[in-house]
């Protein structure tokens, strides 16, 4: 999901998914 968000240029979503991953 992070890769897909990066490819779409959705950096807010990238950061949210990274936060979710590092807190999971």
PDBML (XML) file of the C-alpha atoms, coordinates in Angstrom:
<?xml version="1.0" encoding="UTF-8" ?>
<PDBx:datablock datablockName="MODEL"
   xmlns:PDBx="http://pdbml.pdb.org/schema/pdbx-v50.xsd"
   xmlns:xsi="http://www.w3.org/2001/XMLSchema-instance"
   xsi:schemaLocation="http://pdbml.pdb.org/schema/pdbx-v50.xsd pdbx-v50.xsd">
   <PDBx:atom_siteCategory>
      <PDBx:atom_site id="1">
         <PDBx:B_iso_or_equiv>0.00</PDBx:B_iso_or_equiv>
         <PDBx:Cartn_x>0.000</PDBx:Cartn_x>
         <PDBx:Cartn_y>0.000</PDBx:Cartn_y>
         <PDBx:Cartn_z>0.000</PDBx:Cartn_z>
         <PDBx:auth_asym_id>A</PDBx:auth_asym_id>
         <PDBx:auth_atom_id>CA</PDBx:auth_atom_id>
         <PDBx:auth_comp_id>UNK</PDBx:auth_comp_id>
         <PDBx:auth_seq_id>1</PDBx:auth_seq_id>
         <PDBx:group_PDB>ATOM</PDBx:group_PDB>
         <PDBx:label_alt_id xsi:nil="true" />
         <PDBx:label_asym_id>A</PDBx:label_asym_id>
         <PDBx:label_atom_id>CA</PDBx:label_atom_id>
         <PDBx:label_comp_id>UNK</PDBx:label_comp_id>
         <PDBx:label_entity_id>1</PDBx:label_entity_id>
         <PDBx:label_seq_id>1</PDBx:label_seq_id>
         <PDBx:occupancy>1.00</PDBx:occupancy>
         <PDBx:pdbx_PDB_model_num>1</PDBx:pdbx_PDB_model_num>
         <PDBx:type_symbol>C</PDBx:type_symbol>
      </PDBx:atom_site>
      <PDBx:atom_site id="2">
         <PDBx:B_iso_or_equiv>0.00</PDBx:B_iso_or_equiv>
         <PDBx:Cartn_x>2.951</PDBx:Cartn_x>
         <PDBx:Cartn_y>2.342</PDBx:Cartn_y>
         <PDBx:Cartn_z>0.689</PDBx:Cartn_z>
         <PDBx:auth_asym_id>A</PDBx:auth_asym_id>
         <PDBx:auth_atom_id>CA</PDBx:auth_atom_id>
         <PDBx:auth_comp_id>UNK</PDBx:auth_comp_id>
         <PDBx:auth_seq_id>2</PDBx:auth_seq_id>
         <PDBx:group_PDB>ATOM</PDBx:group_PDB>
         <PDBx:label_alt_id xsi:nil="true" />
         <PDBx:label_asym_id>A</PDBx:label_asym_id>
         <PDBx:label_atom_id>CA</PDBx:label_atom_id>
         <PDBx:label_comp_id>UNK</PDBx:label_comp_id>
         <PDBx:label_entity_id>1</PDBx:label_entity_id>
         <PDBx:label_seq_id>2</PDBx:label_seq_id>
         <PDBx:occupancy>1.00</PDBx:occupancy>
         <PDBx:pdbx_PDB_model_num>1</PDBx:pdbx_PDB_model_num>
         <PDBx:type_symbol>C</PDBx:type_symbol>
      </PDBx:atom_site>
      <PDBx:atom_site id="3">
         <PDBx:B_iso_or_equiv>0.00</PDBx:B_iso_or_equiv>
         <PDBx:Cartn_x>4.411</PDBx:Cartn_x>
         <PDBx:Cartn_y>1.562</PDBx:Cartn_y>
         <PDBx:Cartn_z>-2.761</PDBx:Cartn_z>
         <PDBx:auth_asym_id>A</PDBx:auth_asym_id>
         <PDBx:auth_atom_id>CA</PDBx:auth_atom_id>
         <PDBx:auth_comp_id>UNK</PDBx:auth_comp_id>
         <PDBx:auth_seq_id>3</PDBx:auth_seq_id>
         <PDBx:group_PDB>ATOM</PDBx:group_PDB>
         <PDBx:label_alt_id xsi:nil="true" />
         <PDBx:label_asym_id>A</PDBx:label_asym_id>
         <PDBx:label_atom_id>CA</PDBx:label_atom_id>
         <PDBx:label_comp_id>UNK</PDBx:label_comp_id>
         <PDBx:label_entity_id>1</PDBx:label_entity_id>
         <PDBx:label_seq_id>3</PDBx:label_seq_id>
         <PDBx:occupancy>1.00</PDBx:occupancy>
         <PDBx:pdbx_PDB_model_num>1</PDBx:pdbx_PDB_model_num>
         <PDBx:type_symbol>C</PDBx:type_symbol>
      </PDBx:atom_site>
      <PDBx:atom_site id="4">
         <PDBx:B_iso_or_equiv>0.00</PDBx:B_iso_or_equiv>
         <PDBx:Cartn_x>1.059</PDBx:Cartn_x>
         <PDBx:Cartn_y>2.265</PDBx:Cartn_y>
         <PDBx:Cartn_z>-4.429</PDBx:Cartn_z>
         <PDBx:auth_asym_id>A</PDBx:auth_asym_id>
         <PDBx:auth_atom_id>CA</PDBx:auth_atom_id>
         <PDBx:auth_comp_id>UNK</PDBx:auth_comp_id>
         <PDBx:auth_seq_id>4</PDBx:auth_seq_id>
         <PDBx:group_PDB>ATOM</PDBx:group_PDB>
         <PDBx:label_alt_id xsi:nil="true" />
         <PDBx:label_asym_id>A</PDBx:label_asym_id>
         <PDBx:label_atom_id>CA</PDBx:label_atom_id>
         <PDBx:label_comp_id>UNK</PDBx:label_comp_id>
         <PDBx:label_entity_id>1</PDBx:label_entity_id>
         <PDBx:label_seq_id>4</PDBx:label_seq_id>
         <PDBx:occupancy>1.00</PDBx:occupancy>
         <PDBx:pdbx_PDB_model_num>1</PDBx:pdbx_PDB_model_num>
         <PDBx:type_symbol>C</PDBx:type_symbol>
      </PDBx:atom_site>
      <PDBx:atom_site id="5">
         <PDBx:B_iso_or_equiv>0.00</PDBx:B_iso_or_equiv>
         <PDBx:Cartn_x>0.685</PDBx:Cartn_x>
         <PDBx:Cartn_y>5.565</PDBx:Cartn_y>
         <PDBx:Cartn_z>-2.570</PDBx:Cartn_z>
         <PDBx:auth_asym_id>A</PDBx:auth_asym_id>
         <PDBx:auth_atom_id>CA</PDBx:auth_atom_id>
         <PDBx:auth_comp_id>UNK</PDBx:auth_comp_id>
         <PDBx:auth_seq_id>5</PDBx:auth_seq_id>
         <PDBx:group_PDB>ATOM</PDBx:group_PDB>
         <PDBx:label_alt_id xsi:nil="true" />
         <PDBx:label_asym_id>A</PDBx:label_asym_id>
         <PDBx:label_atom_id>CA</PDBx:label_atom_id>
         <PDBx:label_comp_id>UNK</PDBx:label_comp_id>
         <PDBx:label_entity_id>1</PDBx:label_entity_id>
         <PDBx:label_seq_id>5</PDBx:label_seq_id>
         <PDBx:occupancy>1.00</PDBx:occupancy>
         <PDBx:pdbx_PDB_model_num>1</PDBx:pdbx_PDB_model_num>
         <PDBx:type_symbol>C</PDBx:type_symbol>
      </PDBx:atom_site>
      <PDBx:atom_site id="6">
         <PDBx:B_iso_or_equiv>0.00</PDBx:B_iso_or_equiv>
         <PDBx:Cartn_x>4.231</PDBx:Cartn_x>
         <PDBx:Cartn_y>6.603</PDBx:Cartn_y>
         <PDBx:Cartn_z>-3.587</PDBx:Cartn_z>
         <PDBx:auth_asym_id>A</PDBx:auth_asym_id>
         <PDBx:auth_atom_id>CA</PDBx:auth_atom_id>
         <PDBx:auth_comp_id>UNK</PDBx:auth_comp_id>
         <PDBx:auth_seq_id>6</PDBx:auth_seq_id>
         <PDBx:group_PDB>ATOM</PDBx:group_PDB>
         <PDBx:label_alt_id xsi:nil="true" />
         <PDBx:label_asym_id>A</PDBx:label_asym_id>
         <PDBx:label_atom_id>CA</PDBx:label_atom_id>
         <PDBx:label_comp_id>UNK</PDBx:label_comp_id>
         <PDBx:label_entity_id>1</PDBx:label_entity_id>
         <PDBx:label_seq_id>6</PDBx:label_seq_id>
         <PDBx:occupancy>1.00</PDBx:occupancy>
         <PDBx:pdbx_PDB_model_num>1</PDBx:pdbx_PDB_model_num>
         <PDBx:type_symbol>C</PDBx:type_symbol>
      </PDBx:atom_site>
      <PDBx:atom_site id="7">
         <PDBx:B_iso_or_equiv>0.00</PDBx:B_iso_or_equiv>
         <PDBx:Cartn_x>3.491</PDBx:Cartn_x>
         <PDBx:Cartn_y>5.780</PDBx:Cartn_y>
         <PDBx:Cartn_z>-7.232</PDBx:Cartn_z>
         <PDBx:auth_asym_id>A</PDBx:auth_asym_id>
         <PDBx:auth_atom_id>CA</PDBx:auth_atom_id>
         <PDBx:auth_comp_id>UNK</PDBx:auth_comp_id>
         <PDBx:auth_seq_id>7</PDBx:auth_seq_id>
         <PDBx:group_PDB>ATOM</PDBx:group_PDB>
         <PDBx:label_alt_id xsi:nil="true" />
         <PDBx:label_asym_id>A</PDBx:label_asym_id>
         <PDBx:label_atom_id>CA</PDBx:label_atom_id>
         <PDBx:label_comp_id>UNK</PDBx:label_comp_id>
         <PDBx:label_entity_id>1</PDBx:label_entity_id>
         <PDBx:label_seq_id>7</PDBx:label_seq_id>
         <PDBx:occupancy>1.00</PDBx:occupancy>
         <PDBx:pdbx_PDB_model_num>1</PDBx:pdbx_PDB_model_num>
         <PDBx:type_symbol>C</PDBx:type_symbol>
      </PDBx:atom_site>
      <PDBx:atom_site id="8">
         <PDBx:B_iso_or_equiv>0.00</PDBx:B_iso_or_equiv>
         <PDBx:Cartn_x>0.327</PDBx:Cartn_x>
         <PDBx:Cartn_y>7.881</PDBx:Cartn_y>
         <PDBx:Cartn_z>-7.056</PDBx:Cartn_z>
         <PDBx:auth_asym_id>A</PDBx:auth_asym_id>
         <PDBx:auth_atom_id>CA</PDBx:auth_atom_id>
         <PDBx:auth_comp_id>UNK</PDBx:auth_comp_id>
         <PDBx:auth_seq_id>8</PDBx:auth_seq_id>
         <PDBx:group_PDB>ATOM</PDBx:group_PDB>
         <PDBx:label_alt_id xsi:nil="true" />
         <PDBx:label_asym_id>A</PDBx:label_asym_id>
         <PDBx:label_atom_id>CA</PDBx:label_atom_id>
         <PDBx:label_comp_id>UNK</PDBx:label_comp_id>
         <PDBx:label_entity_id>1</PDBx:label_entity_id>
         <PDBx:label_seq_id>8</PDBx:label_seq_id>
         <PDBx:occupancy>1.00</PDBx:occupancy>
         <PDBx:pdbx_PDB_model_num>1</PDBx:pdbx_PDB_model_num>
         <PDBx:type_symbol>C</PDBx:type_symbol>
      </PDBx:atom_site>
      <PDBx:atom_site id="9">
         <PDBx:B_iso_or_equiv>0.00</PDBx:B_iso_or_equiv>
         <PDBx:Cartn_x>2.207</PDBx:Cartn_x>
         <PDBx:Cartn_y>10.749</PDBx:Cartn_y>
         <PDBx:Cartn_z>-5.385</PDBx:Cartn_z>
         <PDBx:auth_asym_id>A</PDBx:auth_asym_id>
         <PDBx:auth_atom_id>CA</PDBx:auth_atom_id>
         <PDBx:auth_comp_id>UNK</PDBx:auth_comp_id>
         <PDBx:auth_seq_id>9</PDBx:auth_seq_id>
         <PDBx:group_PDB>ATOM</PDBx:group_PDB>
         <PDBx:label_alt_id xsi:nil="true" />
         <PDBx:label_asym_id>A</PDBx:label_asym_id>
         <PDBx:label_atom_id>CA</PDBx:label_atom_id>
         <PDBx:label_comp_id>UNK</PDBx:label_comp_id>
         <PDBx:label_entity_id>1</PDBx:label_entity_id>
         <PDBx:label_seq_id>9</PDBx:label_seq_id>
         <PDBx:occupancy>1.00</PDBx:occupancy>
         <PDBx:pdbx_PDB_model_num>1</PDBx:pdbx_PDB_model_num>
         <PDBx:type_symbol>C</PDBx:type_symbol>
      </PDBx:atom_site>
      <PDBx:atom_site id="10">
         <PDBx:B_iso_or_equiv>0.00</PDBx:B_iso_or_equiv>
         <PDBx:Cartn_x>-0.078</PDBx:Cartn_x>
         <PDBx:Cartn_y>10.657</PDBx:Cartn_y>
         <PDBx:Cartn_z>-2.344</PDBx:Cartn_z>
         <PDBx:auth_asym_id>A</PDBx:auth_asym_id>
         <PDBx:auth_atom_id>CA</PDBx:auth_atom_id>
         <PDBx:auth_comp_id>UNK</PDBx:auth_comp_id>
         <PDBx:auth_seq_id>10</PDBx:auth_seq_id>
         <PDBx:group_PDB>ATOM</PDBx:group_PDB>
         <PDBx:label_alt_id xsi:nil="true" />
         <PDBx:label_asym_id>A</PDBx:label_asym_id>
         <PDBx:label_atom_id>CA</PDBx:label_atom_id>
         <PDBx:label_comp_id>UNK</PDBx:label_comp_id>
         <PDBx:label_entity_id>1</PDBx:label_entity_id>
         <PDBx:label_seq_id>10</PDBx:label_seq_id>
         <PDBx:occupancy>1.00</PDBx:occupancy>
         <PDBx:pdbx_PDB_model_num>1</PDBx:pdbx_PDB_model_num>
         <PDBx:type_symbol>C</PDBx:type_symbol>
      </PDBx:atom_site>
      <PDBx:atom_site id="11">
         <PDBx:B_iso_or_equiv>0.00</PDBx:B_iso_or_equiv>
         <PDBx:Cartn_x>2.540</PDBx:Cartn_x>
         <PDBx:Cartn_y>11.552</PDBx:Cartn_y>
         <PDBx:Cartn_z>0.258</PDBx:Cartn_z>
         <PDBx:auth_asym_id>A</PDBx:auth_asym_id>
         <PDBx:auth_atom_id>CA</PDBx:auth_atom_id>
         <PDBx:auth_comp_id>UNK</PDBx:auth_comp_id>
         <PDBx:auth_seq_id>11</PDBx:auth_seq_id>
         <PDBx:group_PDB>ATOM</PDBx:group_PDB>
         <PDBx:label_alt_id xsi:nil="true" />
         <PDBx:label_asym_id>A</PDBx:label_asym_id>
         <PDBx:label_atom_id>CA</PDBx:label_atom_id>
         <PDBx:label_comp_id>UNK</PDBx:label_comp_id>
         <PDBx:label_entity_id>1</PDBx:label_entity_id>
         <PDBx:label_seq_id>11</PDBx:label_seq_id>
         <PDBx:occupancy>1.00</PDBx:occupancy>
         <PDBx:pdbx_PDB_model_num>1</PDBx:pdbx_PDB_model_num>
         <PDBx:type_symbol>C</PDBx:type_symbol>
      </PDBx:atom_site>
      <PDBx:atom_site id="12">
         <PDBx:B_iso_or_equiv>0.00</PDBx:B_iso_or_equiv>
         <PDBx:Cartn_x>0.049</PDBx:Cartn_x>
         <PDBx:Cartn_y>12.176</PDBx:Cartn_y>
         <PDBx:Cartn_z>3.059</PDBx:Cartn_z>
         <PDBx:auth_asym_id>A</PDBx:auth_asym_id>
         <PDBx:auth_atom_id>CA</PDBx:auth_atom_id>
         <PDBx:auth_comp_id>UNK</PDBx:auth_comp_id>
         <PDBx:auth_seq_id>12</PDBx:auth_seq_id>
         <PDBx:group_PDB>ATOM</PDBx:group_PDB>
         <PDBx:label_alt_id xsi:nil="true" />
         <PDBx:label_asym_id>A</PDBx:label_asym_id>
         <PDBx:label_atom_id>CA</PDBx:label_atom_id>
         <PDBx:label_comp_id>UNK</PDBx:label_comp_id>
         <PDBx:label_entity_id>1</PDBx:label_entity_id>
         <PDBx:label_seq_id>12</PDBx:label_seq_id>
         <PDBx:occupancy>1.00</PDBx:occupancy>
         <PDBx:pdbx_PDB_model_num>1</PDBx:pdbx_PDB_model_num>
         <PDBx:type_symbol>C</PDBx:type_symbol>
      </PDBx:atom_site>
      <PDBx:atom_site id="13">
         <PDBx:B_iso_or_equiv>0.00</PDBx:B_iso_or_equiv>
         <PDBx:Cartn_x>-1.188</PDBx:Cartn_x>
         <PDBx:Cartn_y>8.621</PDBx:Cartn_y>
         <PDBx:Cartn_z>2.647</PDBx:Cartn_z>
         <PDBx:auth_asym_id>A</PDBx:auth_asym_id>
         <PDBx:auth_atom_id>CA</PDBx:auth_atom_id>
         <PDBx:auth_comp_id>UNK</PDBx:auth_comp_id>
         <PDBx:auth_seq_id>13</PDBx:auth_seq_id>
         <PDBx:group_PDB>ATOM</PDBx:group_PDB>
         <PDBx:label_alt_id xsi:nil="true" />
         <PDBx:label_asym_id>A</PDBx:label_asym_id>
         <PDBx:label_atom_id>CA</PDBx:label_atom_id>
         <PDBx:label_comp_id>UNK</PDBx:label_comp_id>
         <PDBx:label_entity_id>1</PDBx:label_entity_id>
         <PDBx:label_seq_id>13</PDBx:label_seq_id>
         <PDBx:occupancy>1.00</PDBx:occupancy>
         <PDBx:pdbx_PDB_model_num>1</PDBx:pdbx_PDB_model_num>
         <PDBx:type_symbol>C</PDBx:type_symbol>
      </PDBx:atom_site>
      <PDBx:atom_site id="14">
         <PDBx:B_iso_or_equiv>0.00</PDBx:B_iso_or_equiv>
         <PDBx:Cartn_x>2.418</PDBx:Cartn_x>
         <PDBx:Cartn_y>7.374</PDBx:Cartn_y>
         <PDBx:Cartn_z>2.505</PDBx:Cartn_z>
         <PDBx:auth_asym_id>A</PDBx:auth_asym_id>
         <PDBx:auth_atom_id>CA</PDBx:auth_atom_id>
         <PDBx:auth_comp_id>UNK</PDBx:auth_comp_id>
         <PDBx:auth_seq_id>14</PDBx:auth_seq_id>
         <PDBx:group_PDB>ATOM</PDBx:group_PDB>
         <PDBx:label_alt_id xsi:nil="true" />
         <PDBx:label_asym_id>A</PDBx:label_asym_id>
         <PDBx:label_atom_id>CA</PDBx:label_atom_id>
         <PDBx:label_comp_id>UNK</PDBx:label_comp_id>
         <PDBx:label_entity_id>1</PDBx:label_entity_id>
         <PDBx:label_seq_id>14</PDBx:label_seq_id>
         <PDBx:occupancy>1.00</PDBx:occupancy>
         <PDBx:pdbx_PDB_model_num>1</PDBx:pdbx_PDB_model_num>
         <PDBx:type_symbol>C</PDBx:type_symbol>
      </PDBx:atom_site>
      <PDBx:atom_site id="15">
         <PDBx:B_iso_or_equiv>0.00</PDBx:B_iso_or_equiv>
         <PDBx:Cartn_x>3.137</PDBx:Cartn_x>
         <PDBx:Cartn_y>8.978</PDBx:Cartn_y>
         <PDBx:Cartn_z>5.882</PDBx:Cartn_z>
         <PDBx:auth_asym_id>A</PDBx:auth_asym_id>
         <PDBx:auth_atom_id>CA</PDBx:auth_atom_id>
         <PDBx:auth_comp_id>UNK</PDBx:auth_comp_id>
         <PDBx:auth_seq_id>15</PDBx:auth_seq_id>
         <PDBx:group_PDB>ATOM</PDBx:group_PDB>
         <PDBx:label_alt_id xsi:nil="true" />
         <PDBx:label_asym_id>A</PDBx:label_asym_id>
         <PDBx:label_atom_id>CA</PDBx:label_atom_id>
         <PDBx:label_comp_id>UNK</PDBx:label_comp_id>
         <PDBx:label_entity_id>1</PDBx:label_entity_id>
         <PDBx:label_seq_id>15</PDBx:label_seq_id>
         <PDBx:occupancy>1.00</PDBx:occupancy>
         <PDBx:pdbx_PDB_model_num>1</PDBx:pdbx_PDB_model_num>
         <PDBx:type_symbol>C</PDBx:type_symbol>
      </PDBx:atom_site>
      <PDBx:atom_site id="16">
         <PDBx:B_iso_or_equiv>0.00</PDBx:B_iso_or_equiv>
         <PDBx:Cartn_x>-0.106</PDBx:Cartn_x>
         <PDBx:Cartn_y>7.652</PDBx:Cartn_y>
         <PDBx:Cartn_z>7.374</PDBx:Cartn_z>
         <PDBx:auth_asym_id>A</PDBx:auth_asym_id>
         <PDBx:auth_atom_id>CA</PDBx:auth_atom_id>
         <PDBx:auth_comp_id>UNK</PDBx:auth_comp_id>
         <PDBx:auth_seq_id>16</PDBx:auth_seq_id>
         <PDBx:group_PDB>ATOM</PDBx:group_PDB>
         <PDBx:label_alt_id xsi:nil="true" />
         <PDBx:label_asym_id>A</PDBx:label_asym_id>
         <PDBx:label_atom_id>CA</PDBx:label_atom_id>
         <PDBx:label_comp_id>UNK</PDBx:label_comp_id>
         <PDBx:label_entity_id>1</PDBx:label_entity_id>
         <PDBx:label_seq_id>16</PDBx:label_seq_id>
         <PDBx:occupancy>1.00</PDBx:occupancy>
         <PDBx:pdbx_PDB_model_num>1</PDBx:pdbx_PDB_model_num>
         <PDBx:type_symbol>C</PDBx:type_symbol>
      </PDBx:atom_site>
      <PDBx:atom_site id="17">
         <PDBx:B_iso_or_equiv>0.00</PDBx:B_iso_or_equiv>
         <PDBx:Cartn_x>0.673</PDBx:Cartn_x>
         <PDBx:Cartn_y>4.107</PDBx:Cartn_y>
         <PDBx:Cartn_z>6.195</PDBx:Cartn_z>
         <PDBx:auth_asym_id>A</PDBx:auth_asym_id>
         <PDBx:auth_atom_id>CA</PDBx:auth_atom_id>
         <PDBx:auth_comp_id>UNK</PDBx:auth_comp_id>
         <PDBx:auth_seq_id>17</PDBx:auth_seq_id>
         <PDBx:group_PDB>ATOM</PDBx:group_PDB>
         <PDBx:label_alt_id xsi:nil="true" />
         <PDBx:label_asym_id>A</PDBx:label_asym_id>
         <PDBx:label_atom_id>CA</PDBx:label_atom_id>
         <PDBx:label_comp_id>UNK</PDBx:label_comp_id>
         <PDBx:label_entity_id>1</PDBx:label_entity_id>
         <PDBx:label_seq_id>17</PDBx:label_seq_id>
         <PDBx:occupancy>1.00</PDBx:occupancy>
         <PDBx:pdbx_PDB_model_num>1</PDBx:pdbx_PDB_model_num>
         <PDBx:type_symbol>C</PDBx:type_symbol>
      </PDBx:atom_site>
      <PDBx:atom_site id="18">
         <PDBx:B_iso_or_equiv>0.00</PDBx:B_iso_or_equiv>
         <PDBx:Cartn_x>4.251</PDBx:Cartn_x>
         <PDBx:Cartn_y>4.353</PDBx:Cartn_y>
         <PDBx:Cartn_z>7.482</PDBx:Cartn_z>
         <PDBx:auth_asym_id>A</PDBx:auth_asym_id>
         <PDBx:auth_atom_id>CA</PDBx:auth_atom_id>
         <PDBx:auth_comp_id>UNK</PDBx:auth_comp_id>
         <PDBx:auth_seq_id>18</PDBx:auth_seq_id>
         <PDBx:group_PDB>ATOM</PDBx:group_PDB>
         <PDBx:label_alt_id xsi:nil="true" />
         <PDBx:label_asym_id>A</PDBx:label_asym_id>
         <PDBx:label_atom_id>CA</PDBx:label_atom_id>
         <PDBx:label_comp_id>UNK</PDBx:label_comp_id>
         <PDBx:label_entity_id>1</PDBx:label_entity_id>
         <PDBx:label_seq_id>18</PDBx:label_seq_id>
         <PDBx:occupancy>1.00</PDBx:occupancy>
         <PDBx:pdbx_PDB_model_num>1</PDBx:pdbx_PDB_model_num>
         <PDBx:type_symbol>C</PDBx:type_symbol>
      </PDBx:atom_site>
      <PDBx:atom_site id="19">
         <PDBx:B_iso_or_equiv>0.00</PDBx:B_iso_or_equiv>
         <PDBx:Cartn_x>2.882</PDBx:Cartn_x>
         <PDBx:Cartn_y>5.448</PDBx:Cartn_y>
         <PDBx:Cartn_z>10.842</PDBx:Cartn_z>
         <PDBx:auth_asym_id>A</PDBx:auth_asym_id>
         <PDBx:auth_atom_id>CA</PDBx:auth_atom_id>
         <PDBx:auth_comp_id>UNK</PDBx:auth_comp_id>
         <PDBx:auth_seq_id>19</PDBx:auth_seq_id>
         <PDBx:group_PDB>ATOM</PDBx:group_PDB>
         <PDBx:label_alt_id xsi:nil="true" />
         <PDBx:label_asym_id>A</PDBx:label_asym_id>
         <PDBx:label_atom_id>CA</PDBx:label_atom_id>
         <PDBx:label_comp_id>UNK</PDBx:label_comp_id>
         <PDBx:label_entity_id>1</PDBx:label_entity_id>
         <PDBx:label_seq_id>19</PDBx:label_seq_id>
         <PDBx:occupancy>1.00</PDBx:occupancy>
         <PDBx:pdbx_PDB_model_num>1</PDBx:pdbx_PDB_model_num>
         <PDBx:type_symbol>C</PDBx:type_symbol>
      </PDBx:atom_site>
      <PDBx:atom_site id="20">
         <PDBx:B_iso_or_equiv>0.00</PDBx:B_iso_or_equiv>
         <PDBx:Cartn_x>0.463</PDBx:Cartn_x>
         <PDBx:Cartn_y>2.519</PDBx:Cartn_y>
         <PDBx:Cartn_z>10.814</PDBx:Cartn_z>
         <PDBx:auth_asym_id>A</PDBx:auth_asym_id>
         <PDBx:auth_atom_id>CA</PDBx:auth_atom_id>
         <PDBx:auth_comp_id>UNK</PDBx:auth_comp_id>
         <PDBx:auth_seq_id>20</PDBx:auth_seq_id>
         <PDBx:group_PDB>ATOM</PDBx:group_PDB>
         <PDBx:label_alt_id xsi:nil="true" />
         <PDBx:label_asym_id>A</PDBx:label_asym_id>
         <PDBx:label_atom_id>CA</PDBx:label_atom_id>
         <PDBx:label_comp_id>UNK</PDBx:label_comp_id>
         <PDBx:label_entity_id>1</PDBx:label_entity_id>
         <PDBx:label_seq_id>20</PDBx:label_seq_id>
         <PDBx:occupancy>1.00</PDBx:occupancy>
         <PDBx:pdbx_PDB_model_num>1</PDBx:pdbx_PDB_model_num>
         <PDBx:type_symbol>C</PDBx:type_symbol>
      </PDBx:atom_site>
      <PDBx:atom_site id="21">
         <PDBx:B_iso_or_equiv>0.00</PDBx:B_iso_or_equiv>
         <PDBx:Cartn_x>3.270</PDBx:Cartn_x>
         <PDBx:Cartn_y>0.082</PDBx:Cartn_y>
         <PDBx:Cartn_z>9.969</PDBx:Cartn_z>
         <PDBx:auth_asym_id>A</PDBx:auth_asym_id>
         <PDBx:auth_atom_id>CA</PDBx:auth_atom_id>
         <PDBx:auth_comp_id>UNK</PDBx:auth_comp_id>
         <PDBx:auth_seq_id>21</PDBx:auth_seq_id>
         <PDBx:group_PDB>ATOM</PDBx:group_PDB>
         <PDBx:label_alt_id xsi:nil="true" />
         <PDBx:label_asym_id>A</PDBx:label_asym_id>
         <PDBx:label_atom_id>CA</PDBx:label_atom_id>
         <PDBx:label_comp_id>UNK</PDBx:label_comp_id>
         <PDBx:label_entity_id>1</PDBx:label_entity_id>
         <PDBx:label_seq_id>21</PDBx:label_seq_id>
         <PDBx:occupancy>1.00</PDBx:occupancy>
         <PDBx:pdbx_PDB_model_num>1</PDBx:pdbx_PDB_model_num>
         <PDBx:type_symbol>C</PDBx:type_symbol>
      </PDBx:atom_site>
      <PDBx:atom_site id="22">
         <PDBx:B_iso_or_equiv>0.00</PDBx:B_iso_or_equiv>
         <PDBx:Cartn_x>5.715</PDBx:Cartn_x>
         <PDBx:Cartn_y>1.372</PDBx:Cartn_y>
         <PDBx:Cartn_z>12.582</PDBx:Cartn_z>
         <PDBx:auth_asym_id>A</PDBx:auth_asym_id>
         <PDBx:auth_atom_id>CA</PDBx:auth_atom_id>
         <PDBx:auth_comp_id>UNK</PDBx:auth_comp_id>
         <PDBx:auth_seq_id>22</PDBx:auth_seq_id>
         <PDBx:group_PDB>ATOM</PDBx:group_PDB>
         <PDBx:label_alt_id xsi:nil="true" />
         <PDBx:label_asym_id>A</PDBx:label_asym_id>
         <PDBx:label_atom_id>CA</PDBx:label_atom_id>
         <PDBx:label_comp_id>UNK</PDBx:label_comp_id>
         <PDBx:label_entity_id>1</PDBx:label_entity_id>
         <PDBx:label_seq_id>22</PDBx:label_seq_id>
         <PDBx:occupancy>1.00</PDBx:occupancy>
         <PDBx:pdbx_PDB_model_num>1</PDBx:pdbx_PDB_model_num>
         <PDBx:type_symbol>C</PDBx:type_symbol>
      </PDBx:atom_site>
      <PDBx:atom_site id="23">
         <PDBx:B_iso_or_equiv>0.00</PDBx:B_iso_or_equiv>
         <PDBx:Cartn_x>3.032</PDBx:Cartn_x>
         <PDBx:Cartn_y>1.290</PDBx:Cartn_y>
         <PDBx:Cartn_z>15.268</PDBx:Cartn_z>
         <PDBx:auth_asym_id>A</PDBx:auth_asym_id>
         <PDBx:auth_atom_id>CA</PDBx:auth_atom_id>
         <PDBx:auth_comp_id>UNK</PDBx:auth_comp_id>
         <PDBx:auth_seq_id>23</PDBx:auth_seq_id>
         <PDBx:group_PDB>ATOM</PDBx:group_PDB>
         <PDBx:label_alt_id xsi:nil="true" />
         <PDBx:label_asym_id>A</PDBx:label_asym_id>
         <PDBx:label_atom_id>CA</PDBx:label_atom_id>
         <PDBx:label_comp_id>UNK</PDBx:label_comp_id>
         <PDBx:label_entity_id>1</PDBx:label_entity_id>
         <PDBx:label_seq_id>23</PDBx:label_seq_id>
         <PDBx:occupancy>1.00</PDBx:occupancy>
         <PDBx:pdbx_PDB_model_num>1</PDBx:pdbx_PDB_model_num>
         <PDBx:type_symbol>C</PDBx:type_symbol>
      </PDBx:atom_site>
      <PDBx:atom_site id="24">
         <PDBx:B_iso_or_equiv>0.00</PDBx:B_iso_or_equiv>
         <PDBx:Cartn_x>1.613</PDBx:Cartn_x>
         <PDBx:Cartn_y>-2.103</PDBx:Cartn_y>
         <PDBx:Cartn_z>14.304</PDBx:Cartn_z>
         <PDBx:auth_asym_id>A</PDBx:auth_asym_id>
         <PDBx:auth_atom_id>CA</PDBx:auth_atom_id>
         <PDBx:auth_comp_id>UNK</PDBx:auth_comp_id>
         <PDBx:auth_seq_id>24</PDBx:auth_seq_id>
         <PDBx:group_PDB>ATOM</PDBx:group_PDB>
         <PDBx:label_alt_id xsi:nil="true" />
         <PDBx:label_asym_id>A</PDBx:label_asym_id>
         <PDBx:label_atom_id>CA</PDBx:label_atom_id>
         <PDBx:label_comp_id>UNK</PDBx:label_comp_id>
         <PDBx:label_entity_id>1</PDBx:label_entity_id>
         <PDBx:label_seq_id>24</PDBx:label_seq_id>
         <PDBx:occupancy>1.00</PDBx:occupancy>
         <PDBx:pdbx_PDB_model_num>1</PDBx:pdbx_PDB_model_num>
         <PDBx:type_symbol>C</PDBx:type_symbol>
      </PDBx:atom_site>
   </PDBx:atom_siteCategory>
</PDBx:datablock>
